[in-house]
Protein backbone atom coordinates (compact mmCIF):
# COMPACT_ATOMS: atom_id res chain seq x y z
CA MET A 1 2.81 -5.84 13.76
CA HIS A 2 5.65 -3.31 13.82
CA VAL A 3 6.12 -1.78 10.38
CA ASN A 4 9.83 -1.10 10.86
CA GLY A 5 11.99 -3.51 8.82
CA LYS A 6 9.02 -5.16 7.12
CA VAL A 7 8.64 -5.54 3.35
CA ALA A 8 5.52 -4.08 1.71
CA LEU A 9 4.11 -4.30 -1.81
CA VAL A 10 1.68 -1.59 -2.96
CA THR A 11 -0.18 -1.81 -6.28
CA GLY A 12 -1.02 1.52 -7.93
CA GLY A 13 1.77 2.86 -5.74
CA ALA A 14 2.98 5.75 -7.90
CA GLN A 15 -0.09 7.99 -7.69
CA GLY A 16 -2.95 9.08 -5.46
CA ILE A 17 -3.73 7.02 -2.37
CA GLY A 18 -1.07 4.45 -3.31
CA GLN A 19 1.61 7.12 -3.25
CA ALA A 20 0.45 8.22 0.22
CA PHE A 21 0.61 4.57 1.38
CA VAL A 22 4.18 4.19 0.14
CA GLN A 23 5.21 7.41 1.87
CA ALA A 24 3.61 6.37 5.18
CA LEU A 25 5.16 2.88 5.09
CA LEU A 26 8.63 4.28 4.40
CA GLY A 27 8.13 6.84 7.16
CA LYS A 28 7.54 3.93 9.55
CA GLY A 29 10.74 2.13 8.47
CA ALA A 30 9.40 -0.40 5.93
CA LYS A 31 10.98 -1.40 2.63
CA VAL A 32 8.50 -0.89 -0.20
CA ALA A 33 7.94 -2.22 -3.70
CA LEU A 34 5.67 0.09 -5.64
CA LEU A 35 3.86 -1.37 -8.62
CA ASP A 36 2.21 0.84 -11.21
CA ARG A 37 1.34 0.48 -14.89
CA ASN A 38 2.44 4.08 -15.52
CA SER A 39 6.20 3.79 -15.98
CA GLU A 40 6.81 7.54 -16.05
CA ALA A 41 4.87 8.17 -12.83
CA GLY A 42 6.63 5.22 -11.21
CA GLN A 43 10.11 6.43 -12.07
CA GLU A 44 9.30 9.98 -10.95
CA SER A 45 7.90 8.65 -7.71
CA LYS A 46 10.96 6.46 -7.09
CA ALA A 47 13.31 9.41 -7.77
CA ALA A 48 11.38 11.65 -5.35
CA LEU A 49 11.43 8.94 -2.66
CA ASP A 50 15.19 8.45 -3.11
CA GLU A 51 15.69 12.07 -2.04
CA GLN A 52 13.86 11.40 1.23
CA PHE A 53 14.75 7.79 2.05
CA GLU A 54 17.63 5.39 1.35
CA ALA A 55 17.38 4.29 -2.29
CA GLN A 56 17.73 0.59 -1.39
CA ARG A 57 14.50 0.72 0.61
CA THR A 58 12.32 1.10 -2.49
CA VAL A 59 11.96 -0.63 -5.81
CA PHE A 60 9.64 0.36 -8.67
CA ILE A 61 8.21 -2.40 -10.85
CA GLN A 62 6.12 -1.51 -13.88
CA CYS A 63 3.10 -3.77 -13.79
CA ASP A 64 -0.39 -3.84 -15.24
CA VAL A 65 -2.29 -5.70 -12.51
CA THR A 66 -4.81 -7.01 -15.05
CA ASP A 67 -2.04 -8.97 -16.78
CA GLN A 68 -1.82 -12.24 -14.88
CA GLU A 69 1.77 -13.02 -15.88
CA GLN A 70 2.99 -9.48 -15.14
CA LEU A 71 1.42 -9.58 -11.69
CA LYS A 72 2.90 -13.01 -10.91
CA GLY A 73 6.29 -11.83 -12.17
CA ALA A 74 6.14 -8.68 -10.06
CA PHE A 75 5.51 -10.65 -6.85
CA LYS A 76 8.40 -12.94 -7.76
CA LYS A 77 10.69 -9.91 -8.30
CA VAL A 78 9.75 -8.47 -4.91
CA ILE A 79 10.64 -11.75 -3.17
CA GLU A 80 13.91 -11.99 -5.12
CA HIS A 81 14.78 -8.36 -4.33
CA PHE A 82 13.82 -8.14 -0.64
CA GLY A 83 13.75 -11.83 0.34
CA ARG A 84 10.28 -11.77 1.88
CA LEU A 85 6.83 -10.14 1.89
CA ASP A 86 5.01 -9.01 5.05
CA ILE A 87 2.50 -6.37 3.96
CA LEU A 88 0.43 -6.36 0.77
CA VAL A 89 -1.79 -3.46 -0.27
CA ASN A 90 -4.04 -4.22 -3.25
CA ASN A 91 -4.78 -0.60 -4.07
CA ALA A 92 -4.79 -0.24 -7.88
CA GLY A 93 -8.21 0.87 -9.06
CA VAL A 94 -10.00 2.63 -11.92
CA ASN A 95 -13.33 4.29 -12.59
CA ASN A 96 -14.58 3.44 -16.07
CA GLU A 97 -18.30 2.87 -16.60
CA LYS A 98 -17.88 2.85 -20.39
CA ASP A 99 -15.31 0.04 -20.53
CA TRP A 100 -16.91 -1.63 -17.54
CA GLU A 101 -15.24 -4.99 -18.11
CA SER A 102 -11.82 -3.41 -17.58
CA THR A 103 -13.13 -1.89 -14.33
CA ILE A 104 -14.05 -5.38 -13.09
CA GLN A 105 -10.63 -6.69 -14.18
CA THR A 106 -8.71 -3.98 -12.31
CA ASN A 107 -10.86 -3.40 -9.25
CA LEU A 108 -11.97 -6.93 -8.42
CA THR A 109 -10.29 -9.71 -10.43
CA SER A 110 -6.81 -8.25 -9.82
CA VAL A 111 -7.49 -7.76 -6.12
CA ILE A 112 -8.52 -11.41 -5.82
CA ARG A 113 -5.49 -12.58 -7.82
CA GLY A 114 -3.18 -10.31 -5.82
CA THR A 115 -4.58 -11.65 -2.54
CA TYR A 116 -4.01 -15.26 -3.60
CA LEU A 117 -0.47 -14.47 -4.74
CA GLY A 118 0.19 -12.70 -1.45
CA LEU A 119 -1.13 -15.65 0.55
CA GLU A 120 1.06 -18.02 -1.47
CA TYR A 121 4.19 -16.16 -0.33
CA MET A 122 3.07 -15.03 3.13
CA ARG A 123 1.10 -17.81 4.82
CA ASN A 124 2.79 -19.85 7.55
CA THR A 125 1.45 -23.06 6.04
CA ASN A 126 3.53 -22.45 2.89
CA GLY A 127 6.82 -21.37 4.48
CA GLY A 128 5.95 -17.65 4.73
CA ASN A 129 6.37 -15.38 7.73
CA GLY A 130 2.71 -14.37 8.03
CA GLY A 131 1.66 -10.75 7.66
CA VAL A 132 -1.23 -8.55 6.65
CA ILE A 133 -3.14 -7.93 3.41
CA ILE A 134 -5.19 -4.76 2.96
CA ASN A 135 -7.60 -4.55 0.03
CA ILE A 136 -8.82 -1.09 -0.89
CA SER A 137 -12.56 -0.78 -1.45
CA SER A 138 -14.66 2.39 -1.14
CA LEU A 139 -17.74 3.72 0.62
CA ALA A 140 -19.33 2.76 -2.71
CA GLY A 141 -18.78 -0.84 -1.53
CA LEU A 142 -21.26 -0.30 1.29
CA MET A 143 -24.03 1.68 -0.41
CA PRO A 144 -25.45 2.30 -3.89
CA ALA A 145 -23.52 4.73 -6.10
CA ALA A 146 -25.77 6.40 -8.66
CA PHE A 147 -24.12 6.77 -12.09
CA GLN A 148 -21.25 4.40 -11.10
CA PRO A 149 -22.98 1.01 -10.89
CA VAL A 150 -20.07 -1.16 -12.09
CA TYR A 151 -17.49 0.66 -9.94
CA CYS A 152 -19.92 0.16 -7.05
CA ALA A 153 -20.30 -3.56 -7.81
CA THR A 154 -16.53 -4.12 -7.85
CA LYS A 155 -16.12 -2.38 -4.50
CA HIS A 156 -18.92 -4.46 -2.95
CA GLY A 157 -17.09 -7.51 -4.32
CA VAL A 158 -13.80 -6.52 -2.68
CA ILE A 159 -15.51 -6.35 0.73
CA GLY A 160 -17.30 -9.70 0.33
CA PHE A 161 -14.16 -11.45 -0.88
CA THR A 162 -11.87 -9.97 1.78
CA ARG A 163 -14.21 -10.66 4.72
CA SER A 164 -14.67 -14.24 3.51
CA ILE A 165 -10.99 -15.03 2.90
CA ALA A 166 -10.17 -13.47 6.29
CA VAL A 167 -12.37 -16.08 7.99
CA THR A 168 -10.68 -18.85 5.95
CA ALA A 169 -7.20 -17.54 6.84
CA ASN A 170 -8.11 -17.57 10.52
CA MET A 171 -9.59 -21.08 10.41
CA GLU A 172 -6.59 -22.42 8.47
CA ASN A 173 -4.00 -20.67 10.69
CA TYR A 174 -2.31 -18.85 7.80
CA GLY A 175 -0.83 -16.23 10.14
CA VAL A 176 -2.11 -13.60 7.70
CA ARG A 177 -4.75 -10.98 8.56
CA LEU A 178 -6.93 -9.53 5.80
CA ASN A 179 -8.85 -6.26 6.05
CA THR A 180 -10.53 -3.68 3.85
CA ILE A 181 -10.40 0.11 3.77
CA CYS A 182 -13.40 2.03 2.42
CA PRO A 183 -12.57 5.69 1.88
CA GLY A 184 -15.08 8.35 0.87
CA PHE A 185 -14.05 10.88 -1.79
CA VAL A 186 -10.27 11.40 -1.85
CA ASN A 187 -8.33 14.03 -3.77
CA THR A 188 -6.68 11.74 -6.36
CA PRO A 189 -6.49 11.48 -10.18
CA ILE A 190 -9.47 9.04 -10.15
CA LEU A 191 -11.79 11.96 -9.29
CA GLN A 192 -10.84 13.63 -12.56
CA SER A 193 -12.21 10.63 -14.50
CA ILE A 194 -15.74 11.83 -13.67
CA ASP A 195 -15.20 14.72 -16.12
CA LYS A 196 -14.37 12.41 -19.03
CA GLU A 197 -16.89 10.88 -21.40
CA GLU A 198 -14.45 8.04 -22.19
CA ASN A 199 -14.69 7.03 -18.52
CA MET A 200 -18.32 7.78 -17.69
CA GLY A 201 -19.99 6.69 -20.94
CA GLN A 202 -23.79 6.84 -20.66
CA TYR A 203 -23.48 8.53 -17.23
CA TYR A 204 -21.33 11.42 -18.46
CA SER A 205 -24.25 13.87 -18.41
CA TYR A 206 -24.59 13.28 -14.65
CA LYS A 207 -21.07 14.48 -13.80
CA ASP A 208 -22.40 17.56 -12.01
CA GLU A 209 -24.57 15.41 -9.74
CA ILE A 210 -21.48 13.43 -8.72
CA LYS A 211 -19.58 16.67 -8.09
CA ASN A 212 -22.45 17.88 -5.90
CA MET A 213 -22.16 14.65 -3.91
CA MET A 214 -18.43 15.25 -3.51
CA GLN A 215 -19.11 18.73 -2.21
CA PHE A 216 -21.76 17.42 0.18
CA TYR A 217 -19.61 14.62 1.64
CA GLY A 218 -16.27 16.45 1.44
CA VAL A 219 -13.00 15.45 -0.26
CA MET A 220 -10.14 14.10 1.89
CA ASP A 221 -6.39 14.21 1.55
CA PRO A 222 -4.76 10.82 0.76
CA SER A 223 -2.62 11.10 3.92
CA ILE A 224 -5.73 10.43 6.06
CA ILE A 225 -6.28 7.11 4.26
CA ALA A 226 -2.60 6.27 4.87
CA GLU A 227 -3.16 6.79 8.62
CA GLY A 228 -5.91 4.17 8.44
CA LEU A 229 -3.56 1.77 6.67
CA ILE A 230 -0.91 2.06 9.38
CA THR A 231 -3.59 1.52 12.07
CA ILE A 232 -4.66 -1.76 10.41
CA ILE A 233 -1.08 -2.99 10.05
CA GLU A 234 -0.11 -2.20 13.65
CA ASP A 235 -3.25 -3.57 15.36
CA ASP A 236 -2.90 -7.37 15.41
CA THR A 237 -6.52 -7.80 16.59
CA LEU A 238 -7.96 -6.62 13.28
CA ASN A 239 -8.98 -9.35 10.83
CA GLY A 240 -11.92 -9.31 8.42
CA GLU A 241 -12.65 -5.71 9.41
CA VAL A 242 -14.04 -2.99 7.16
CA MET A 243 -12.53 0.39 7.98
CA LYS A 244 -14.50 3.41 6.80
CA ILE A 245 -12.83 6.79 6.39
CA THR A 246 -14.98 9.86 5.81
CA ALA A 247 -14.44 13.60 5.95
CA SER A 248 -17.12 13.96 8.65
CA GLN A 249 -16.31 10.99 10.90
CA GLY A 250 -12.65 10.22 10.17
CA ILE A 251 -11.52 6.62 10.78
CA HIS A 252 -14.21 4.25 12.06
CA PHE A 253 -15.41 0.71 11.39
CA GLN A 254 -18.45 -0.81 9.73
CA GLN A 255 -20.50 -2.75 12.28
CA TYR A 256 -21.99 -6.06 11.19
CA GLY A 257 -24.72 -7.74 13.19
CA GLN A 258 -23.99 -11.36 12.39
CA THR A 259 -20.75 -13.13 13.22
CA PRO A 260 -19.63 -15.30 10.29
CA PHE A 261 -19.88 -19.04 10.80
CA THR A 262 -16.59 -20.68 11.73
CA SER A 263 -15.97 -24.36 12.33
CA SER A 264 -13.06 -26.03 14.08
CA LYS A 265 -10.10 -26.79 11.85
CA ARG A 266 -10.33 -30.12 10.05
């Protein structure tokens, strides 16, 4: 898929990796709706983008992805504003082991809900134009993460859900590809949450161990993750894939031994 002229929606788009995604998409000629619960960050981000790109190519919508009605309303606004949706990036995420239920709500439930909303508007079988959905997981979705068990569980969930729905979309001829990106440590505000007791709860005393891990594996710039995003969008052969991005190996893919079962369409 060529990015130029397409309409993208990015959750958590005003900060961190989401901000890098928005920048990369605009750089390739897309129109972008950035959703973020932080109104101030969203407005600042929109103003900064307007200095670089035509103002009409972006829209900021304040949205807490865990609020079902807000998320539905935001998708509706994007369709009303741009007339279509071609690229969806479910990127909003948090690290909070203390309020672990909110972590599940943001990192997994909202990704599932966002994917279903995206499919509603995008799939060929419902009058959409097809497209691509990218759900952001983490390397913690592929291995255990000491001191971040709930964060780890949500990221495993994103991979399982996305790989499964990608098979369904293919079997049902939705015209929508679904893939996952699993970055290692990235230099974003989420890394700072490790230093806060209100985020880490009972694991707060282990913050230095996590920092040692970060030093060992290396911390990447968000722009590298944005390169991976553009690769997934532009390569029409990718569906149900899990892209890993690490400081040591760059962009590469998780290899799975078993091909998922697929049956002929009913």
